Amino acid sequence: MNTKFLYAIVALTLVFSACKSDPYETFGQDFEITKDTLTARQMDDLFDEIEIGDTALVTFSSKIDAVCQKKGCWMEVDLDEGYVARVTFLDYGFFVPLNAGGSEAIIYGKAFWKADSVAEKRHYAEDAGEEYVEEELDEDEDYAPHVIALGVKIKK
């Protein structure tokens, strides 16, 4: 076979594969983006329906508000109508880039309500470069939306 012809085939293959590149970078488990992927607004509504102690396996899109600035081991995402969800990663199995704040993300994981301990709150504040100030809250007010992500796709 002619060497120039072989090089031309390889070059065309690379060009066509580059055209089909995924617009997202995947962290953790890969997953499909489907028509059932929830919006941030739909996730906000879902958290209104989830009771403390329940979980829901979800895929949803949202903007990343904040990322752990020490190693990328958690992030906060905006859920539209007031809720902000803390996203951690299953068994610390993966991290996201420290500069991912402001990026669009699609998250696949388990959503639930959780009350963070004082130690967790202090840890998150330190990771964000902030000082933790303990507040007095009623027990129900202390619960916040959480997601344990199995996989995250961040728009390139």
C-alpha atoms as a PDB file:
ATOM      1  CA  MET A   1       0.000   0.000   0.000  1.00  0.00           C
ATOM      2  CA  ASN A   2       1.231   3.478  -0.824  1.00  0.00           C
ATOM      3  CA  THR A   3       2.642   5.258   2.263  1.00  0.00           C
ATOM      4  CA  LYS A   4       1.169   8.632   1.248  1.00  0.00           C
ATOM      5  CA  PHE A   5      -2.260   7.038   0.905  1.00  0.00           C
ATOM      6  CA  LEU A   6      -1.949   5.504   4.394  1.00  0.00           C
ATOM      7  CA  TYR A   7      -0.945   8.876   5.890  1.00  0.00           C
ATOM      8  CA  ALA A   8      -3.928  10.526   4.193  1.00  0.00           C
ATOM      9  CA  ILE A   9      -6.326   7.962   5.704  1.00  0.00           C
ATOM     10  CA  VAL A  10      -4.823   8.454   9.186  1.00  0.00           C
ATOM     11  CA  ALA A  11      -5.060  12.261   8.841  1.00  0.00           C
ATOM     12  CA  LEU A  12      -8.701  12.114   7.731  1.00  0.00           C
ATOM     13  CA  THR A  13      -9.558   9.770  10.591  1.00  0.00           C
ATOM     14  CA  LEU A  14      -8.030  12.205  13.088  1.00  0.00           C
ATOM     15  CA  VAL A  15      -9.884  15.151  11.559  1.00  0.00           C
ATOM     16  CA  PHE A  16     -13.258  13.382  11.673  1.00  0.00           C
ATOM     17  CA  SER A  17     -12.733  12.115  15.223  1.00  0.00           C
ATOM     18  CA  ALA A  18     -11.844  15.650  16.368  1.00  0.00           C
ATOM     19  CA  CYS A  19     -15.126  16.936  14.903  1.00  0.00           C
ATOM     20  CA  LYS A  20     -17.063  14.508  17.075  1.00  0.00           C
ATOM     21  CA  SER A  21     -15.275  15.424  20.315  1.00  0.00           C
ATOM     22  CA  ASP A  22     -17.308  15.611  23.494  1.00  0.00           C
ATOM     23  CA  PRO A  23     -17.888  19.211  24.658  1.00  0.00           C
ATOM     24  CA  TYR A  24     -17.568  17.981  28.254  1.00  0.00           C
ATOM     25  CA  GLU A  25     -14.661  16.694  30.298  1.00  0.00           C
ATOM     26  CA  THR A  26     -15.731  13.739  32.447  1.00  0.00           C
ATOM     27  CA  PHE A  27     -14.621  13.145  36.040  1.00  0.00           C
ATOM     28  CA  GLY A  28     -15.497   9.919  37.833  1.00  0.00           C
ATOM     29  CA  GLN A  29     -17.910   7.473  36.229  1.00  0.00           C
ATOM     30  CA  ASP A  30     -18.897   8.196  32.636  1.00  0.00           C
ATOM     31  CA  PHE A  31     -22.636   8.552  32.017  1.00  0.00           C
ATOM     32  CA  GLU A  32     -24.984   9.499  29.215  1.00  0.00           C
ATOM     33  CA  ILE A  33     -26.643  12.887  28.913  1.00  0.00           C
ATOM     34  CA  THR A  34     -30.255  12.191  27.987  1.00  0.00           C
ATOM     35  CA  LYS A  35     -33.484  14.087  27.492  1.00  0.00           C
ATOM     36  CA  ASP A  36     -34.314  13.125  31.099  1.00  0.00           C
ATOM     37  CA  THR A  37     -31.434  15.219  32.466  1.00  0.00           C
ATOM     38  CA  LEU A  38     -32.990  17.658  34.927  1.00  0.00           C
ATOM     39  CA  THR A  39     -32.432  21.403  34.886  1.00  0.00           C
ATOM     40  CA  ALA A  40     -31.317  23.303  37.993  1.00  0.00           C
ATOM     41  CA  ARG A  41     -34.937  24.487  38.412  1.00  0.00           C
ATOM     42  CA  GLN A  42     -36.248  20.900  38.240  1.00  0.00           C
ATOM     43  CA  MET A  43     -33.637  19.838  40.832  1.00  0.00           C
ATOM     44  CA  ASP A  44     -34.788  22.663  43.077  1.00  0.00           C
ATOM     45  CA  ASP A  45     -38.353  21.326  42.760  1.00  0.00           C
ATOM     46  CA  LEU A  46     -37.152  17.772  43.402  1.00  0.00           C
ATOM     47  CA  PHE A  47     -35.554  18.843  46.683  1.00  0.00           C
ATOM     48  CA  ASP A  48     -38.937  20.264  47.702  1.00  0.00           C
ATOM     49  CA  GLU A  49     -40.345  16.739  47.271  1.00  0.00           C
ATOM     50  CA  ILE A  50     -37.520  14.694  48.822  1.00  0.00           C
ATOM     51  CA  GLU A  51     -38.023  14.000  52.511  1.00  0.00           C
ATOM     52  CA  ILE A  52     -35.196  13.779  55.032  1.00  0.00           C
ATOM     53  CA  GLY A  53     -33.934  10.198  54.870  1.00  0.00           C
ATOM     54  CA  ASP A  54     -34.902   9.700  51.200  1.00  0.00           C
ATOM     55  CA  THR A  55     -32.511   9.622  48.234  1.00  0.00           C
ATOM     56  CA  ALA A  56     -33.027  10.049  44.513  1.00  0.00           C
ATOM     57  CA  LEU A  57     -30.664   8.930  41.747  1.00  0.00           C
ATOM     58  CA  VAL A  58     -30.486  11.917  39.394  1.00  0.00           C
ATOM     59  CA  THR A  59     -28.716  13.468  36.442  1.00  0.00           C
ATOM     60  CA  PHE A  60     -28.965  17.252  36.362  1.00  0.00           C
ATOM     61  CA  SER A  61     -27.288  20.328  34.944  1.00  0.00           C
ATOM     62  CA  SER A  62     -26.252  23.399  36.889  1.00  0.00           C
ATOM     63  CA  LYS A  63     -23.644  26.132  37.199  1.00  0.00           C
ATOM     64  CA  ILE A  64     -20.779  25.465  39.595  1.00  0.00           C
ATOM     65  CA  ASP A  65     -20.766  28.230  42.214  1.00  0.00           C
ATOM     66  CA  ALA A  66     -17.721  27.166  44.232  1.00  0.00           C
ATOM     67  CA  VAL A  67     -15.051  24.456  44.326  1.00  0.00           C
ATOM     68  CA  CYS A  68     -12.816  23.285  47.169  1.00  0.00           C
ATOM     69  CA  GLN A  69      -9.658  25.338  46.676  1.00  0.00           C
ATOM     70  CA  LYS A  70      -7.380  22.801  48.352  1.00  0.00           C
ATOM     71  CA  LYS A  71      -7.901  19.787  46.067  1.00  0.00           C
ATOM     72  CA  GLY A  72     -11.275  19.993  44.302  1.00  0.00           C
ATOM     73  CA  CYS A  73     -12.924  17.453  46.609  1.00  0.00           C
ATOM     74  CA  TRP A  74     -16.318  19.200  46.725  1.00  0.00           C
ATOM     75  CA  MET A  75     -18.303  21.832  44.880  1.00  0.00           C
ATOM     76  CA  GLU A  76     -21.452  23.868  45.364  1.00  0.00           C
ATOM     77  CA  VAL A  77     -24.018  24.198  42.585  1.00  0.00           C
ATOM     78  CA  ASP A  78     -26.889  26.650  42.212  1.00  0.00           C
ATOM     79  CA  LEU A  79     -30.344  25.080  42.049  1.00  0.00           C
ATOM     80  CA  ASP A  80     -32.195  28.148  40.782  1.00  0.00           C
ATOM     81  CA  GLU A  81     -34.822  29.159  43.355  1.00  0.00           C
ATOM     82  CA  GLY A  82     -32.714  29.521  46.450  1.00  0.00           C
ATOM     83  CA  TYR A  83     -31.206  26.117  47.104  1.00  0.00           C
ATOM     84  CA  VAL A  84     -27.483  25.543  46.768  1.00  0.00           C
ATOM     85  CA  ALA A  85     -26.425  21.893  46.802  1.00  0.00           C
ATOM     86  CA  ARG A  86     -23.114  20.647  48.137  1.00  0.00           C
ATOM     87  CA  VAL A  87     -21.687  18.010  45.803  1.00  0.00           C
ATOM     88  CA  THR A  88     -19.098  15.555  47.087  1.00  0.00           C
ATOM     89  CA  PHE A  89     -17.593  12.676  45.156  1.00  0.00           C
ATOM     90  CA  LEU A  90     -18.193   9.005  45.902  1.00  0.00           C
ATOM     91  CA  ASP A  91     -15.476   7.698  48.237  1.00  0.00           C
ATOM     92  CA  TYR A  92     -13.214  10.650  47.254  1.00  0.00           C
ATOM     93  CA  GLY A  93     -12.758   8.635  44.053  1.00  0.00           C
ATOM     94  CA  PHE A  94     -12.185  11.721  41.911  1.00  0.00           C
ATOM     95  CA  PHE A  95     -11.830  15.484  42.136  1.00  0.00           C
ATOM     96  CA  VAL A  96     -12.715  18.407  39.872  1.00  0.00           C
ATOM     97  CA  PRO A  97     -10.383  21.207  38.738  1.00  0.00           C
ATOM     98  CA  LEU A  98      -9.909  24.029  41.236  1.00  0.00           C
ATOM     99  CA  ASN A  99     -10.779  26.557  38.509  1.00  0.00           C
ATOM    100  CA  ALA A 100     -14.142  24.942  37.634  1.00  0.00           C
ATOM    101  CA  GLY A 101     -16.169  27.628  39.442  1.00  0.00           C
ATOM    102  CA  GLY A 102     -18.530  29.382  37.036  1.00  0.00           C
ATOM    103  CA  SER A 103     -18.553  26.436  34.617  1.00  0.00           C
ATOM    104  CA  GLU A 104     -21.623  24.553  33.475  1.00  0.00           C
ATOM    105  CA  ALA A 105     -21.732  20.987  34.789  1.00  0.00           C
ATOM    106  CA  ILE A 106     -23.855  17.884  34.468  1.00  0.00           C
ATOM    107  CA  ILE A 107     -23.881  15.772  37.608  1.00  0.00           C
ATOM    108  CA  TYR A 108     -24.920  12.146  38.020  1.00  0.00           C
ATOM    109  CA  GLY A 109     -25.428  10.999  41.593  1.00  0.00           C
ATOM    110  CA  LYS A 110     -27.584  10.510  44.668  1.00  0.00           C
ATOM    111  CA  ALA A 111     -29.491  13.540  45.961  1.00  0.00           C
ATOM    112  CA  PHE A 112     -30.606  13.824  49.599  1.00  0.00           C
ATOM    113  CA  TRP A 113     -30.968  16.199  52.557  1.00  0.00           C
ATOM    114  CA  LYS A 114     -28.131  16.217  55.091  1.00  0.00           C
ATOM    115  CA  ALA A 115     -27.198  18.194  58.187  1.00  0.00           C
ATOM    116  CA  ASP A 116     -23.455  18.859  58.184  1.00  0.00           C
ATOM    117  CA  SER A 117     -21.655  18.532  61.498  1.00  0.00           C
ATOM    118  CA  VAL A 118     -19.812  21.534  62.926  1.00  0.00           C
ATOM    119  CA  ALA A 119     -16.530  19.814  61.979  1.00  0.00           C
ATOM    120  CA  GLU A 120     -17.730  19.424  58.363  1.00  0.00           C
ATOM    121  CA  LYS A 121     -18.865  23.048  58.196  1.00  0.00           C
ATOM    122  CA  ARG A 122     -15.522  24.198  59.585  1.00  0.00           C
ATOM    123  CA  HIS A 123     -13.694  21.958  57.074  1.00  0.00           C
ATOM    124  CA  TYR A 124     -15.693  23.324  54.110  1.00  0.00           C
ATOM    125  CA  ALA A 125     -15.112  26.920  55.224  1.00  0.00           C
ATOM    126  CA  GLU A 126     -11.367  26.331  55.562  1.00  0.00           C
ATOM    127  CA  ASP A 127     -11.248  24.662  52.122  1.00  0.00           C
ATOM    128  CA  ALA A 128     -12.986  27.728  50.677  1.00  0.00           C
ATOM    129  CA  GLY A 129     -10.519  30.062  52.408  1.00  0.00           C
ATOM    130  CA  GLU A 130     -13.205  31.412  54.732  1.00  0.00           C
ATOM    131  CA  GLU A 131     -13.606  31.561  58.485  1.00  0.00           C
ATOM    132  CA  TYR A 132     -16.375  29.412  59.948  1.00  0.00           C
ATOM    133  CA  VAL A 133     -18.800  31.232  62.223  1.00  0.00           C
ATOM    134  CA  GLU A 134     -21.082  28.924  64.159  1.00  0.00           C
ATOM    135  CA  GLU A 135     -24.762  29.825  63.946  1.00  0.00           C
ATOM    136  CA  GLU A 136     -27.645  28.770  66.118  1.00  0.00           C
ATOM    137  CA  LEU A 137     -30.190  27.035  63.907  1.00  0.00           C
ATOM    138  CA  ASP A 138     -33.249  24.930  64.522  1.00  0.00           C
ATOM    139  CA  GLU A 139     -32.607  21.277  63.711  1.00  0.00           C
ATOM    140  CA  ASP A 140     -34.718  21.399  60.516  1.00  0.00           C
ATOM    141  CA  GLU A 141     -33.004  24.583  59.296  1.00  0.00           C
ATOM    142  CA  ASP A 142     -29.634  22.861  59.473  1.00  0.00           C
ATOM    143  CA  TYR A 143     -30.496  20.384  56.689  1.00  0.00           C
ATOM    144  CA  ALA A 144     -29.271  21.289  53.223  1.00  0.00           C
ATOM    145  CA  PRO A 145     -29.351  19.673  49.768  1.00  0.00           C
ATOM    146  CA  HIS A 146     -26.455  17.308  49.112  1.00  0.00           C
ATOM    147  CA  VAL A 147     -25.425  15.139  46.190  1.00  0.00           C
ATOM    148  CA  ILE A 148     -22.899  12.325  46.216  1.00  0.00           C
ATOM    149  CA  ALA A 149     -21.720  12.381  42.622  1.00  0.00           C
ATOM    150  CA  LEU A 150     -20.806   9.211  40.801  1.00  0.00           C
ATOM    151  CA  GLY A 151     -19.736  11.256  37.800  1.00  0.00           C
ATOM    152  CA  VAL A 152     -19.456  14.891  36.713  1.00  0.00           C
ATOM    153  CA  LYS A 153     -19.186  16.382  33.242  1.00  0.00           C
ATOM    154  CA  ILE A 154     -17.814  19.930  33.049  1.00  0.00           C
ATOM    155  CA  LYS A 155     -18.209  21.995  29.888  1.00  0.00           C
ATOM    156  CA  LYS A 156     -14.814  22.526  28.228  1.00  0.00           C
END
